[in-house]
Amino acid sequence: MSAIALGLMGRGTEAVATARRGVEAQRKNPGPTQLREAQLIGAVLGLAACGRLSEAEAEATTGYLACLDRKST
């Protein structure tokens, strides 16, 4: 949630860093409660807020593909 809030406040660099730390924390959790790539929402918002649209699109695509992969398994 903090990455999302930071992204919405225009604090893009912090949002991206926070989102990536969230993804890593989810990877280390043996029993994740949600798809770890959900953490990328904050990164997408933060990158978009910084005008880094191609990076935002790449992160969004990563999350989207992870969701599709999860659905097919």
N, C-alpha and C. Protein backbone atom coordinates (compact mmCIF):
# COMPACT_ATOMS: atom_id res chain seq x y z
N MET A 1 0.82 -1.20 0.00
CA MET A 1 0.00 0.00 0.00
C MET A 1 0.86 1.26 0.00
N SER A 2 1.98 1.22 0.68
CA SER A 2 2.80 2.43 0.74
C SER A 2 3.35 2.79 -0.63
N ALA A 3 3.69 1.80 -1.45
CA ALA A 3 4.19 2.11 -2.79
C ALA A 3 3.10 2.78 -3.62
N ILE A 4 1.88 2.32 -3.47
CA ILE A 4 0.76 2.93 -4.20
C ILE A 4 0.58 4.37 -3.76
N ALA A 5 0.57 4.58 -2.45
CA ALA A 5 0.39 5.94 -1.92
C ALA A 5 1.51 6.85 -2.39
N LEU A 6 2.74 6.37 -2.34
CA LEU A 6 3.86 7.19 -2.79
C LEU A 6 3.73 7.54 -4.27
N GLY A 7 3.32 6.58 -5.08
CA GLY A 7 3.12 6.84 -6.50
C GLY A 7 2.04 7.88 -6.74
N LEU A 8 0.95 7.78 -6.01
CA LEU A 8 -0.15 8.74 -6.17
C LEU A 8 0.24 10.14 -5.71
N MET A 9 1.19 10.22 -4.78
CA MET A 9 1.65 11.53 -4.30
C MET A 9 2.73 12.11 -5.20
N GLY A 10 3.09 11.37 -6.26
CA GLY A 10 4.11 11.87 -7.17
C GLY A 10 5.53 11.60 -6.73
N ARG A 11 5.70 10.77 -5.73
CA ARG A 11 7.03 10.43 -5.23
C ARG A 11 7.47 9.13 -5.90
N GLY A 12 7.67 9.24 -7.21
CA GLY A 12 7.90 8.08 -8.05
C GLY A 12 9.10 7.24 -7.70
N THR A 13 10.23 7.87 -7.44
CA THR A 13 11.44 7.11 -7.14
C THR A 13 11.26 6.28 -5.87
N GLU A 14 10.65 6.86 -4.87
CA GLU A 14 10.40 6.14 -3.63
C GLU A 14 9.38 5.02 -3.84
N ALA A 15 8.38 5.28 -4.68
CA ALA A 15 7.36 4.27 -4.96
C ALA A 15 7.97 3.04 -5.63
N VAL A 16 8.85 3.28 -6.59
CA VAL A 16 9.49 2.18 -7.30
C VAL A 16 10.34 1.35 -6.33
N ALA A 17 11.14 2.02 -5.52
CA ALA A 17 12.00 1.31 -4.56
C ALA A 17 11.17 0.51 -3.56
N THR A 18 10.11 1.10 -3.07
CA THR A 18 9.25 0.43 -2.11
C THR A 18 8.57 -0.78 -2.73
N ALA A 19 8.09 -0.62 -3.96
CA ALA A 19 7.43 -1.74 -4.65
C ALA A 19 8.40 -2.89 -4.88
N ARG A 20 9.60 -2.57 -5.27
CA ARG A 20 10.59 -3.63 -5.52
C ARG A 20 10.98 -4.35 -4.23
N ARG A 21 11.05 -3.60 -3.12
CA ARG A 21 11.31 -4.26 -1.82
C ARG A 21 10.15 -5.18 -1.46
N GLY A 22 8.94 -4.77 -1.79
CA GLY A 22 7.77 -5.61 -1.53
C GLY A 22 7.79 -6.90 -2.33
N VAL A 23 8.20 -6.81 -3.59
CA VAL A 23 8.31 -8.01 -4.43
C VAL A 23 9.34 -8.96 -3.82
N GLU A 24 10.48 -8.43 -3.41
CA GLU A 24 11.52 -9.28 -2.82
C GLU A 24 11.04 -9.92 -1.52
N ALA A 25 10.33 -9.16 -0.70
CA ALA A 25 9.79 -9.72 0.55
C ALA A 25 8.81 -10.84 0.25
N GLN A 26 7.98 -10.67 -0.76
CA GLN A 26 7.04 -11.72 -1.14
C GLN A 26 7.78 -12.96 -1.64
N ARG A 27 8.85 -12.78 -2.37
CA ARG A 27 9.64 -13.92 -2.87
C ARG A 27 10.21 -14.74 -1.72
N LYS A 28 10.57 -14.09 -0.64
CA LYS A 28 11.16 -14.78 0.51
C LYS A 28 10.12 -15.44 1.39
N ASN A 29 8.88 -15.10 1.24
CA ASN A 29 7.79 -15.65 2.04
C ASN A 29 7.42 -17.02 1.49
N PRO A 30 7.52 -18.07 2.30
CA PRO A 30 7.24 -19.41 1.79
C PRO A 30 5.78 -19.64 1.41
N GLY A 31 4.88 -18.87 1.95
CA GLY A 31 3.46 -19.05 1.65
C GLY A 31 2.79 -17.73 1.31
N PRO A 32 3.10 -17.17 0.13
CA PRO A 32 2.53 -15.86 -0.19
C PRO A 32 1.01 -15.87 -0.21
N THR A 33 0.44 -14.79 0.27
CA THR A 33 -1.01 -14.67 0.32
C THR A 33 -1.57 -14.02 -0.94
N GLN A 34 -0.71 -13.44 -1.72
CA GLN A 34 -1.14 -12.83 -2.98
C GLN A 34 -0.02 -12.98 -4.00
N LEU A 35 -0.34 -12.76 -5.21
CA LEU A 35 0.67 -12.82 -6.26
C LEU A 35 1.71 -11.74 -5.99
N ARG A 36 2.97 -12.13 -5.87
CA ARG A 36 3.99 -11.16 -5.48
C ARG A 36 4.10 -9.98 -6.44
N GLU A 37 3.81 -10.20 -7.71
CA GLU A 37 3.89 -9.11 -8.68
C GLU A 37 2.82 -8.04 -8.44
N ALA A 38 1.85 -8.31 -7.57
CA ALA A 38 0.88 -7.27 -7.21
C ALA A 38 1.58 -6.07 -6.60
N GLN A 39 2.75 -6.29 -6.02
CA GLN A 39 3.53 -5.20 -5.44
C GLN A 39 3.97 -4.19 -6.50
N LEU A 40 3.98 -4.61 -7.76
CA LEU A 40 4.43 -3.72 -8.83
C LEU A 40 3.47 -2.58 -9.12
N ILE A 41 2.26 -2.63 -8.58
CA ILE A 41 1.30 -1.55 -8.80
C ILE A 41 1.91 -0.21 -8.40
N GLY A 42 2.55 -0.18 -7.24
CA GLY A 42 3.19 1.06 -6.79
C GLY A 42 4.30 1.50 -7.72
N ALA A 43 5.07 0.55 -8.23
CA ALA A 43 6.14 0.90 -9.17
C ALA A 43 5.57 1.49 -10.45
N VAL A 44 4.50 0.90 -10.95
CA VAL A 44 3.87 1.40 -12.17
C VAL A 44 3.40 2.84 -11.97
N LEU A 45 2.73 3.08 -10.86
CA LEU A 45 2.24 4.44 -10.57
C LEU A 45 3.40 5.41 -10.39
N GLY A 46 4.44 4.96 -9.67
CA GLY A 46 5.59 5.83 -9.44
C GLY A 46 6.33 6.17 -10.72
N LEU A 47 6.54 5.17 -11.57
CA LEU A 47 7.21 5.41 -12.84
C LEU A 47 6.39 6.35 -13.72
N ALA A 48 5.09 6.14 -13.75
CA ALA A 48 4.22 7.02 -14.55
C ALA A 48 4.27 8.45 -14.02
N ALA A 49 4.28 8.59 -12.69
CA ALA A 49 4.34 9.92 -12.09
C ALA A 49 5.63 10.64 -12.45
N CYS A 50 6.70 9.88 -12.66
CA CYS A 50 8.00 10.46 -13.04
C CYS A 50 8.12 10.66 -14.54
N GLY A 51 7.10 10.26 -15.29
CA GLY A 51 7.16 10.40 -16.73
C GLY A 51 7.95 9.29 -17.41
N ARG A 52 8.26 8.25 -16.68
CA ARG A 52 9.03 7.12 -17.23
C ARG A 52 8.05 6.07 -17.75
N LEU A 53 7.34 6.44 -18.79
CA LEU A 53 6.21 5.64 -19.26
C LEU A 53 6.59 4.29 -19.84
N SER A 54 7.70 4.21 -20.54
CA SER A 54 8.08 2.91 -21.10
C SER A 54 8.44 1.93 -19.99
N GLU A 55 9.06 2.42 -18.92
CA GLU A 55 9.37 1.56 -17.79
C GLU A 55 8.09 1.15 -17.06
N ALA A 56 7.15 2.11 -16.94
CA ALA A 56 5.87 1.80 -16.30
C ALA A 56 5.14 0.72 -17.09
N GLU A 57 5.17 0.83 -18.40
CA GLU A 57 4.52 -0.17 -19.24
C GLU A 57 5.19 -1.54 -19.07
N ALA A 58 6.51 -1.56 -18.98
CA ALA A 58 7.23 -2.82 -18.80
C ALA A 58 6.86 -3.48 -17.48
N GLU A 59 6.81 -2.70 -16.41
CA GLU A 59 6.43 -3.24 -15.10
C GLU A 59 4.99 -3.75 -15.12
N ALA A 60 4.11 -2.99 -15.75
CA ALA A 60 2.70 -3.41 -15.84
C ALA A 60 2.58 -4.71 -16.63
N THR A 61 3.35 -4.82 -17.68
CA THR A 61 3.33 -6.05 -18.49
C THR A 61 3.84 -7.24 -17.69
N THR A 62 4.90 -7.02 -16.90
CA THR A 62 5.42 -8.08 -16.04
C THR A 62 4.33 -8.59 -15.10
N GLY A 63 3.63 -7.67 -14.45
CA GLY A 63 2.55 -8.04 -13.55
C GLY A 63 1.41 -8.75 -14.26
N TYR A 64 1.05 -8.25 -15.41
CA TYR A 64 -0.04 -8.84 -16.20
C TYR A 64 0.31 -10.27 -16.61
N LEU A 65 1.51 -10.46 -17.12
CA LEU A 65 1.91 -11.80 -17.56
C LEU A 65 2.00 -12.77 -16.39
N ALA A 66 2.43 -12.28 -15.24
CA ALA A 66 2.47 -13.13 -14.05
C ALA A 66 1.06 -13.57 -13.66
N CYS A 67 0.11 -12.68 -13.78
CA CYS A 67 -1.28 -13.02 -13.47
C CYS A 67 -1.81 -14.07 -14.45
N LEU A 68 -1.49 -13.90 -15.72
CA LEU A 68 -1.92 -14.89 -16.71
C LEU A 68 -1.29 -16.25 -16.44
N ASP A 69 0.00 -16.24 -16.09
CA ASP A 69 0.70 -17.48 -15.80
C ASP A 69 0.09 -18.16 -14.58
N ARG A 70 -0.21 -17.41 -13.57
CA ARG A 70 -0.80 -17.95 -12.33
C ARG A 70 -2.17 -18.55 -12.61
N LYS A 71 -2.93 -17.89 -13.48
CA LYS A 71 -4.28 -18.36 -13.80
C LYS A 71 -4.23 -19.69 -14.56
N SER A 72 -3.21 -19.89 -15.37
CA SER A 72 -3.14 -21.11 -16.18
C SER A 72 -2.61 -22.31 -15.40
N THR A 73 -2.10 -22.09 -14.18
CA THR A 73 -1.56 -23.22 -13.41
C THR A 73 -2.53 -23.69 -12.37
